[in-house]
Amino acid sequence: METSLGAVLAAALMGRRLNWCLGARFAPPPVEYHAWAELPGHGPVGEYTEAGWHHHTALTI
């Protein structure tokens, strides 16, 4: 959570915009609560989204 929030704040200081998302990450066996940074209109930034990993957003800030 700290890493994704730090990325959002660093982007804001540079005049860029990232969304901070809280939700769940579904992988093949486990389900994890997760926080990530996301480009508006695109997917998660720096997240592994291959091989069945899906991010479901519960809250976007």
PDB file of N, CA and C in Angstrom:
ATOM      1  N   MET A   1       0.826  -1.187   0.000  1.00  0.00           N
ATOM      2  CA  MET A   1       0.000   0.000   0.000  1.00  0.00           C
ATOM      3  C   MET A   1       0.871   1.252   0.000  1.00  0.00           C
ATOM      4  N   GLU A   2       1.955   1.215   0.757  1.00  0.00           N
ATOM      5  CA  GLU A   2       2.814   2.390   0.844  1.00  0.00           C
ATOM      6  C   GLU A   2       3.483   2.710  -0.487  1.00  0.00           C
ATOM      7  N   THR A   3       3.878   1.698  -1.220  1.00  0.00           N
ATOM      8  CA  THR A   3       4.555   1.899  -2.500  1.00  0.00           C
ATOM      9  C   THR A   3       3.624   2.536  -3.520  1.00  0.00           C
ATOM     10  N   SER A   4       2.394   2.042  -3.611  1.00  0.00           N
ATOM     11  CA  SER A   4       1.450   2.594  -4.590  1.00  0.00           C
ATOM     12  C   SER A   4       1.049   4.021  -4.223  1.00  0.00           C
ATOM     13  N   LEU A   5       0.862   4.300  -2.941  1.00  0.00           N
ATOM     14  CA  LEU A   5       0.530   5.665  -2.524  1.00  0.00           C
ATOM     15  C   LEU A   5       1.704   6.606  -2.785  1.00  0.00           C
ATOM     16  N   GLY A   6       2.921   6.140  -2.551  1.00  0.00           N
ATOM     17  CA  GLY A   6       4.106   6.948  -2.839  1.00  0.00           C
ATOM     18  C   GLY A   6       4.221   7.270  -4.321  1.00  0.00           C
ATOM     19  N   ALA A   7       3.882   6.314  -5.176  1.00  0.00           N
ATOM     20  CA  ALA A   7       3.914   6.554  -6.627  1.00  0.00           C
ATOM     21  C   ALA A   7       2.884   7.593  -7.033  1.00  0.00           C
ATOM     22  N   VAL A   8       1.704   7.548  -6.451  1.00  0.00           N
ATOM     23  CA  VAL A   8       0.652   8.522  -6.759  1.00  0.00           C
ATOM     24  C   VAL A   8       1.065   9.920  -6.309  1.00  0.00           C
ATOM     25  N   LEU A   9       1.633  10.028  -5.116  1.00  0.00           N
ATOM     26  CA  LEU A   9       2.066  11.329  -4.617  1.00  0.00           C
ATOM     27  C   LEU A   9       3.245  11.872  -5.412  1.00  0.00           C
ATOM     28  N   ALA A  10       4.186  11.016  -5.800  1.00  0.00           N
ATOM     29  CA  ALA A  10       5.320  11.459  -6.616  1.00  0.00           C
ATOM     30  C   ALA A  10       4.846  11.940  -7.982  1.00  0.00           C
ATOM     31  N   ALA A  11       3.891  11.248  -8.571  1.00  0.00           N
ATOM     32  CA  ALA A  11       3.344  11.679  -9.860  1.00  0.00           C
ATOM     33  C   ALA A  11       2.653  13.032  -9.723  1.00  0.00           C
ATOM     34  N   ALA A  12       1.937  13.244  -8.627  1.00  0.00           N
ATOM     35  CA  ALA A  12       1.257  14.526  -8.406  1.00  0.00           C
ATOM     36  C   ALA A  12       2.266  15.663  -8.263  1.00  0.00           C
ATOM     37  N   LEU A  13       3.378  15.409  -7.594  1.00  0.00           N
ATOM     38  CA  LEU A  13       4.408  16.440  -7.446  1.00  0.00           C
ATOM     39  C   LEU A  13       5.047  16.807  -8.788  1.00  0.00           C
ATOM     40  N   MET A  14       5.044  15.880  -9.730  1.00  0.00           N
ATOM     41  CA  MET A  14       5.600  16.137 -11.062  1.00  0.00           C
ATOM     42  C   MET A  14       4.547  16.622 -12.051  1.00  0.00           C
ATOM     43  N   GLY A  15       3.323  16.873 -11.567  1.00  0.00           N
ATOM     44  CA  GLY A  15       2.271  17.384 -12.435  1.00  0.00           C
ATOM     45  C   GLY A  15       1.571  16.316 -13.255  1.00  0.00           C
ATOM     46  N   ARG A  16       1.708  15.063 -12.888  1.00  0.00           N
ATOM     47  CA  ARG A  16       1.064  13.944 -13.580  1.00  0.00           C
ATOM     48  C   ARG A  16      -0.088  13.423 -12.735  1.00  0.00           C
ATOM     49  N   ARG A  17      -0.896  12.565 -13.323  1.00  0.00           N
ATOM     50  CA  ARG A  17      -2.033  12.028 -12.587  1.00  0.00           C
ATOM     51  C   ARG A  17      -2.018  10.498 -12.621  1.00  0.00           C
ATOM     52  N   LEU A  18      -2.137   9.905 -11.469  1.00  0.00           N
ATOM     53  CA  LEU A  18      -2.349   8.473 -11.309  1.00  0.00           C
ATOM     54  C   LEU A  18      -3.519   8.291 -10.349  1.00  0.00           C
ATOM     55  N   ASN A  19      -4.310   7.275 -10.566  1.00  0.00           N
ATOM     56  CA  ASN A  19      -5.362   6.915  -9.624  1.00  0.00           C
ATOM     57  C   ASN A  19      -4.790   5.934  -8.616  1.00  0.00           C
ATOM     58  N   TRP A  20      -5.201   6.070  -7.368  1.00  0.00           N
ATOM     59  CA  TRP A  20      -4.807   5.120  -6.337  1.00  0.00           C
ATOM     60  C   TRP A  20      -5.997   4.212  -6.115  1.00  0.00           C
ATOM     61  N   CYS A  21      -5.830   2.925  -6.330  1.00  0.00           N
ATOM     62  CA  CYS A  21      -6.932   1.967  -6.267  1.00  0.00           C
ATOM     63  C   CYS A  21      -6.745   1.002  -5.104  1.00  0.00           C
ATOM     64  N   LEU A  22      -7.820   0.730  -4.429  1.00  0.00           N
ATOM     65  CA  LEU A  22      -7.867  -0.277  -3.371  1.00  0.00           C
ATOM     66  C   LEU A  22      -8.873  -1.329  -3.796  1.00  0.00           C
ATOM     67  N   GLY A  23      -8.522  -2.585  -3.609  1.00  0.00           N
ATOM     68  CA  GLY A  23      -9.434  -3.644  -4.018  1.00  0.00           C
ATOM     69  C   GLY A  23      -8.826  -5.007  -3.771  1.00  0.00           C
ATOM     70  N   ALA A  24      -9.098  -5.923  -4.697  1.00  0.00           N
ATOM     71  CA  ALA A  24      -8.619  -7.292  -4.577  1.00  0.00           C
ATOM     72  C   ALA A  24      -7.892  -7.694  -5.839  1.00  0.00           C
ATOM     73  N   ARG A  25      -6.890  -8.537  -5.666  1.00  0.00           N
ATOM     74  CA  ARG A  25      -6.154  -9.097  -6.787  1.00  0.00           C
ATOM     75  C   ARG A  25      -6.413 -10.600  -6.782  1.00  0.00           C
ATOM     76  N   PHE A  26      -6.986 -11.066  -7.873  1.00  0.00           N
ATOM     77  CA  PHE A  26      -7.310 -12.482  -7.995  1.00  0.00           C
ATOM     78  C   PHE A  26      -6.224 -13.160  -8.812  1.00  0.00           C
ATOM     79  N   ALA A  27      -5.618 -14.143  -8.215  1.00  0.00           N
ATOM     80  CA  ALA A  27      -4.602 -14.948  -8.885  1.00  0.00           C
ATOM     81  C   ALA A  27      -5.154 -16.360  -9.004  1.00  0.00           C
ATOM     82  N   PRO A  28      -4.436 -17.245  -9.632  1.00  0.00           N
ATOM     83  CA  PRO A  28      -4.951 -18.610  -9.743  1.00  0.00           C
ATOM     84  C   PRO A  28      -5.394 -19.222  -8.408  1.00  0.00           C
ATOM     85  N   PRO A  29      -4.558 -19.417  -7.366  1.00  0.00           N
ATOM     86  CA  PRO A  29      -5.134 -19.969  -6.143  1.00  0.00           C
ATOM     87  C   PRO A  29      -5.603 -18.931  -5.121  1.00  0.00           C
ATOM     88  N   PRO A  30      -4.816 -17.912  -4.738  1.00  0.00           N
ATOM     89  CA  PRO A  30      -5.262 -17.048  -3.641  1.00  0.00           C
ATOM     90  C   PRO A  30      -5.979 -15.788  -4.121  1.00  0.00           C
ATOM     91  N   VAL A  31      -6.721 -15.196  -3.216  1.00  0.00           N
ATOM     92  CA  VAL A  31      -7.307 -13.867  -3.418  1.00  0.00           C
ATOM     93  C   VAL A  31      -6.665 -12.960  -2.375  1.00  0.00           C
ATOM     94  N   GLU A  32      -6.148 -11.785  -2.818  1.00  0.00           N
ATOM     95  CA  GLU A  32      -5.442 -10.886  -1.914  1.00  0.00           C
ATOM     96  C   GLU A  32      -6.087  -9.509  -1.937  1.00  0.00           C
ATOM     97  N   TYR A  33      -6.185  -8.874  -0.762  1.00  0.00           N
ATOM     98  CA  TYR A  33      -6.516  -7.455  -0.731  1.00  0.00           C
ATOM     99  C   TYR A  33      -5.279  -6.710  -1.180  1.00  0.00           C
ATOM    100  N   HIS A  34      -5.462  -5.652  -1.979  1.00  0.00           N
ATOM    101  CA  HIS A  34      -4.306  -5.065  -2.633  1.00  0.00           C
ATOM    102  C   HIS A  34      -4.555  -3.588  -2.913  1.00  0.00           C
ATOM    103  N   ALA A  35      -3.486  -2.805  -3.022  1.00  0.00           N
ATOM    104  CA  ALA A  35      -3.546  -1.400  -3.436  1.00  0.00           C
ATOM    105  C   ALA A  35      -2.579  -1.237  -4.599  1.00  0.00           C
ATOM    106  N   TRP A  36      -2.967  -0.428  -5.594  1.00  0.00           N
ATOM    107  CA  TRP A  36      -2.103  -0.223  -6.757  1.00  0.00           C
ATOM    108  C   TRP A  36      -2.366   1.138  -7.370  1.00  0.00           C
ATOM    109  N   ALA A  37      -1.390   1.596  -8.155  1.00  0.00           N
ATOM    110  CA  ALA A  37      -1.521   2.840  -8.915  1.00  0.00           C
ATOM    111  C   ALA A  37      -1.986   2.473 -10.319  1.00  0.00           C
ATOM    112  N   GLU A  38      -2.817   3.342 -10.892  1.00  0.00           N
ATOM    113  CA  GLU A  38      -3.402   3.052 -12.192  1.00  0.00           C
ATOM    114  C   GLU A  38      -3.448   4.316 -13.035  1.00  0.00           C
ATOM    115  N   LEU A  39      -3.067   4.198 -14.299  1.00  0.00           N
ATOM    116  CA  LEU A  39      -3.233   5.312 -15.229  1.00  0.00           C
ATOM    117  C   LEU A  39      -4.706   5.460 -15.547  1.00  0.00           C
ATOM    118  N   PRO A  40      -5.258   6.683 -15.519  1.00  0.00           N
ATOM    119  CA  PRO A  40      -6.671   6.856 -15.860  1.00  0.00           C
ATOM    120  C   PRO A  40      -6.952   6.341 -17.270  1.00  0.00           C
ATOM    121  N   GLY A  41      -7.901   5.438 -17.378  1.00  0.00           N
ATOM    122  CA  GLY A  41      -8.274   4.874 -18.664  1.00  0.00           C
ATOM    123  C   GLY A  41      -7.423   3.685 -19.094  1.00  0.00           C
ATOM    124  N   HIS A  42      -6.459   3.293 -18.281  1.00  0.00           N
ATOM    125  CA  HIS A  42      -5.586   2.159 -18.595  1.00  0.00           C
ATOM    126  C   HIS A  42      -5.565   1.229 -17.394  1.00  0.00           C
ATOM    127  N   GLY A  43      -4.717   0.249 -17.454  1.00  0.00           N
ATOM    128  CA  GLY A  43      -4.626  -0.715 -16.368  1.00  0.00           C
ATOM    129  C   GLY A  43      -3.659  -0.317 -15.287  1.00  0.00           C
ATOM    130  N   PRO A  44      -3.412  -1.241 -14.365  1.00  0.00           N
ATOM    131  CA  PRO A  44      -2.474  -1.012 -13.275  1.00  0.00           C
ATOM    132  C   PRO A  44      -1.066  -0.740 -13.785  1.00  0.00           C
ATOM    133  N   VAL A  45      -0.342   0.110 -13.080  1.00  0.00           N
ATOM    134  CA  VAL A  45       1.030   0.473 -13.443  1.00  0.00           C
ATOM    135  C   VAL A  45       1.993  -0.401 -12.649  1.00  0.00           C
ATOM    136  N   GLY A  46       2.886  -1.085 -13.341  1.00  0.00           N
ATOM    137  CA  GLY A  46       3.901  -1.878 -12.676  1.00  0.00           C
ATOM    138  C   GLY A  46       3.379  -3.131 -11.997  1.00  0.00           C
ATOM    139  N   GLU A  47       2.201  -3.579 -12.359  1.00  0.00           N
ATOM    140  CA  GLU A  47       1.611  -4.776 -11.768  1.00  0.00           C
ATOM    141  C   GLU A  47       1.685  -5.932 -12.749  1.00  0.00           C
ATOM    142  N   TYR A  48       1.814  -7.112 -12.231  1.00  0.00           N
ATOM    143  CA  TYR A  48       1.839  -8.305 -13.066  1.00  0.00           C
ATOM    144  C   TYR A  48       0.400  -8.670 -13.420  1.00  0.00           C
ATOM    145  N   THR A  49       0.034  -8.539 -14.684  1.00  0.00           N
ATOM    146  CA  THR A  49      -1.345  -8.802 -15.099  1.00  0.00           C
ATOM    147  C   THR A  49      -1.442  -9.982 -16.064  1.00  0.00           C
ATOM    148  N   GLU A  50      -0.359 -10.708 -16.231  1.00  0.00           N
ATOM    149  CA  GLU A  50      -0.359 -11.870 -17.122  1.00  0.00           C
ATOM    150  C   GLU A  50      -0.805 -13.119 -16.363  1.00  0.00           C
ATOM    151  N   ALA A  51      -1.099 -14.142 -17.103  1.00  0.00           N
ATOM    152  CA  ALA A  51      -1.357 -15.492 -16.567  1.00  0.00           C
ATOM    153  C   ALA A  51      -2.462 -15.535 -15.516  1.00  0.00           C
ATOM    154  N   GLY A  52      -3.572 -14.868 -15.764  1.00  0.00           N
ATOM    155  CA  GLY A  52      -4.730 -14.998 -14.893  1.00  0.00           C
ATOM    156  C   GLY A  52      -4.805 -14.055 -13.709  1.00  0.00           C
ATOM    157  N   TRP A  53      -3.910 -13.083 -13.590  1.00  0.00           N
ATOM    158  CA  TRP A  53      -4.000 -12.115 -12.501  1.00  0.00           C
ATOM    159  C   TRP A  53      -4.983 -11.025 -12.901  1.00  0.00           C
ATOM    160  N   HIS A  54      -5.988 -10.803 -12.083  1.00  0.00           N
ATOM    161  CA  HIS A  54      -6.996  -9.786 -12.359  1.00  0.00           C
ATOM    162  C   HIS A  54      -7.126  -8.861 -11.156  1.00  0.00           C
ATOM    163  N   HIS A  55      -7.281  -7.566 -11.419  1.00  0.00           N
ATOM    164  CA  HIS A  55      -7.445  -6.572 -10.364  1.00  0.00           C
ATOM    165  C   HIS A  55      -8.890  -6.077 -10.396  1.00  0.00           C
ATOM    166  N   HIS A  56      -9.555  -6.141  -9.256  1.00  0.00           N
ATOM    167  CA  HIS A  56     -10.924  -5.640  -9.135  1.00  0.00           C
ATOM    168  C   HIS A  56     -10.928  -4.489  -8.131  1.00  0.00           C
ATOM    169  N   THR A  57     -11.315  -3.317  -8.595  1.00  0.00           N
ATOM    170  CA  THR A  57     -11.266  -2.109  -7.784  1.00  0.00           C
ATOM    171  C   THR A  57     -12.508  -1.967  -6.915  1.00  0.00           C
ATOM    172  N   ALA A  58     -12.291  -1.697  -5.630  1.00  0.00           N
ATOM    173  CA  ALA A  58     -13.378  -1.398  -4.714  1.00  0.00           C
ATOM    174  C   ALA A  58     -13.492   0.104  -4.481  1.00  0.00           C
ATOM    175  N   LEU A  59     -12.347   0.826  -4.512  1.00  0.00           N
ATOM    176  CA  LEU A  59     -12.315   2.257  -4.260  1.00  0.00           C
ATOM    177  C   LEU A  59     -11.192   2.888  -5.072  1.00  0.00           C
ATOM    178  N   THR A  60     -11.492   3.971  -5.743  1.00  0.00           N
ATOM    179  CA  THR A  60     -10.481   4.714  -6.495  1.00  0.00           C
ATOM    180  C   THR A  60     -10.400   6.130  -5.948  1.00  0.00           C
ATOM    181  N   ILE A  61      -9.184   6.562  -5.643  1.00  0.00           N
ATOM    182  CA  ILE A  61      -8.959   7.913  -5.121  1.00  0.00           C
ATOM    183  C   ILE A  61      -8.054   8.639  -6.086  1.00  0.00           C
TER     184      ILE A  61
END
